[in-house]
Amino acid sequence: MKNLFKTSKIIFPLVFLLMGINMQAQNSPDKLLGKWANEDKTKVVEFVKNGPSYDAVILKSEDKSLIGKKQITGLKFQHEGNYNNGTVHIIKKGKTASCTVKITKDQLTVKASYGIMSKTQVWTRL
């Protein structure tokens, strides 16, 4: 019985510590990092940290001239899977649009806005 109490004194704090680490990881701004496929699976981007913000670099594309270019720049973590103040680069048209991103499980909702117009896509984590 004495050993059971000694063991529980070690196990319970350890369990709570691990749960706290897991919960912190779920709310981490870095959960955006990694590879994502766009809605029609024609492009794969990788989100990387760039100082206090996040950028998306094109890794795969049907148009090989786009590989290595930045699709999104300057995203800033807001709270609980929400990022804002980003810029989407519409490379072929030489234009940019403001961008916000929201992560839900293994999906990324990307909303680009230009004036009063906006477009939303859902990307999937690879």
Protein backbone atom coordinates (compact mmCIF):
# COMPACT_ATOMS: atom_id res chain seq x y z
CA MET A 1 0.00 0.00 0.00
CA LYS A 2 2.87 2.33 0.82
CA ASN A 3 4.42 1.76 -2.63
CA LEU A 4 1.10 2.58 -4.27
CA PHE A 5 1.07 6.03 -2.64
CA LYS A 6 4.69 6.67 -3.66
CA THR A 7 3.90 5.68 -7.23
CA SER A 8 0.79 7.85 -7.36
CA LYS A 9 2.78 10.85 -6.10
CA ILE A 10 4.97 10.51 -9.17
CA ILE A 11 2.42 9.42 -11.78
CA PHE A 12 -0.33 12.01 -11.17
CA PRO A 13 1.93 15.08 -11.48
CA LEU A 14 3.55 13.53 -14.56
CA VAL A 15 0.16 12.96 -16.20
CA PHE A 16 -0.91 16.56 -15.54
CA LEU A 17 2.40 17.85 -16.87
CA LEU A 18 2.00 15.86 -20.10
CA MET A 19 -1.60 17.01 -20.51
CA GLY A 20 -0.49 20.62 -20.14
CA ILE A 21 2.23 20.20 -22.75
CA ASN A 22 -0.27 18.60 -25.14
CA MET A 23 -2.79 21.41 -24.69
CA GLN A 24 -0.11 24.04 -25.21
CA ALA A 25 0.99 22.31 -28.43
CA GLN A 26 -2.59 22.37 -29.76
CA ASN A 27 -2.75 26.15 -29.29
CA SER A 28 0.75 26.75 -30.63
CA PRO A 29 1.06 29.29 -33.44
CA ASP A 30 3.52 26.94 -35.12
CA LYS A 31 0.83 24.36 -35.95
CA LEU A 32 0.58 26.21 -39.29
CA LEU A 33 4.06 24.95 -40.19
CA GLY A 34 4.26 22.11 -42.68
CA LYS A 35 3.03 21.12 -46.13
CA TRP A 36 -0.46 21.88 -47.43
CA ALA A 37 -2.20 21.04 -50.73
CA ASN A 38 -4.53 23.58 -52.31
CA GLU A 39 -8.20 22.82 -52.95
CA ASP A 40 -7.80 21.28 -56.40
CA LYS A 41 -4.53 19.48 -55.47
CA THR A 42 -2.57 21.30 -58.20
CA LYS A 43 -0.16 22.98 -55.80
CA VAL A 44 1.70 22.09 -52.60
CA VAL A 45 3.02 24.84 -50.35
CA GLU A 46 5.10 24.68 -47.20
CA PHE A 47 4.51 27.18 -44.42
CA VAL A 48 7.76 28.34 -42.83
CA LYS A 49 8.46 30.75 -40.01
CA ASN A 50 9.97 34.07 -41.08
CA GLY A 51 10.79 35.98 -37.90
CA PRO A 52 7.48 36.77 -36.16
CA SER A 53 5.40 35.88 -39.24
CA TYR A 54 4.75 32.93 -41.56
CA ASP A 55 5.27 32.51 -45.31
CA ALA A 56 4.06 29.81 -47.73
CA VAL A 57 6.60 28.68 -50.32
CA ILE A 58 5.44 26.73 -53.38
CA LEU A 59 7.01 23.23 -53.42
CA LYS A 60 5.01 21.59 -56.23
CA SER A 61 2.97 23.09 -59.03
CA GLU A 62 1.72 22.18 -62.48
CA ASP A 63 3.49 25.34 -63.61
CA LYS A 64 7.13 24.55 -62.79
CA SER A 65 8.11 28.25 -62.98
CA LEU A 66 6.21 28.85 -59.69
CA ILE A 67 8.26 26.39 -57.63
CA GLY A 68 10.29 28.14 -54.93
CA LYS A 69 8.23 31.34 -55.03
CA LYS A 70 6.27 32.64 -52.07
CA GLN A 71 2.49 32.26 -52.37
CA ILE A 72 1.69 33.88 -49.00
CA THR A 73 3.83 36.22 -46.89
CA GLY A 74 3.55 38.02 -43.57
CA LEU A 75 0.87 35.97 -41.81
CA LYS A 76 0.74 36.79 -38.11
CA PHE A 77 -0.65 34.49 -35.42
CA GLN A 78 -3.72 36.02 -33.79
CA HIS A 79 -5.19 33.35 -31.49
CA GLU A 80 -6.30 29.70 -31.48
CA GLY A 81 -5.53 28.80 -35.11
CA ASN A 82 -6.30 32.22 -36.58
CA TYR A 83 -3.74 34.17 -38.58
CA ASN A 84 -4.12 37.56 -40.27
CA ASN A 85 -2.31 40.47 -41.93
CA GLY A 86 -0.93 38.17 -44.64
CA THR A 87 -0.48 38.87 -48.33
CA VAL A 88 -1.39 36.41 -51.09
CA HIS A 89 0.78 36.75 -54.17
CA ILE A 90 -1.09 36.12 -57.42
CA ILE A 91 2.15 35.54 -59.25
CA LYS A 92 0.91 35.08 -62.84
CA LYS A 93 -1.10 38.32 -62.69
CA GLY A 94 1.52 40.28 -60.74
CA LYS A 95 -1.05 41.21 -58.09
CA THR A 96 -1.45 40.81 -54.35
CA ALA A 97 -4.41 40.52 -51.99
CA SER A 98 -4.77 40.60 -48.22
CA CYS A 99 -5.05 37.22 -46.57
CA THR A 100 -6.35 35.54 -43.42
CA VAL A 101 -6.02 31.88 -42.45
CA LYS A 102 -7.86 29.65 -40.00
CA ILE A 103 -6.79 26.13 -39.04
CA THR A 104 -9.36 23.51 -38.10
CA LYS A 105 -7.91 20.03 -37.53
CA ASP A 106 -6.10 19.12 -40.77
CA GLN A 107 -7.72 21.80 -42.90
CA LEU A 108 -6.69 25.34 -43.60
CA THR A 109 -9.25 27.94 -44.67
CA VAL A 110 -7.48 30.60 -46.71
CA LYS A 111 -9.40 33.80 -47.43
CA ALA A 112 -7.97 36.33 -49.86
CA SER A 113 -9.56 39.79 -50.12
CA TYR A 114 -9.04 42.49 -52.73
CA GLY A 115 -11.23 45.53 -52.17
CA ILE A 116 -14.80 44.32 -51.70
CA MET A 117 -14.13 40.98 -53.41
CA SER A 118 -12.93 37.88 -51.59
CA LYS A 119 -12.28 34.23 -52.33
CA THR A 120 -11.97 31.36 -49.86
CA GLN A 121 -10.26 28.01 -50.37
CA VAL A 122 -9.88 25.02 -48.08
CA TRP A 123 -6.43 23.44 -48.15
CA THR A 124 -5.49 20.04 -46.70
CA ARG A 125 -2.45 19.15 -44.58
CA LEU A 126 -0.11 16.61 -46.15
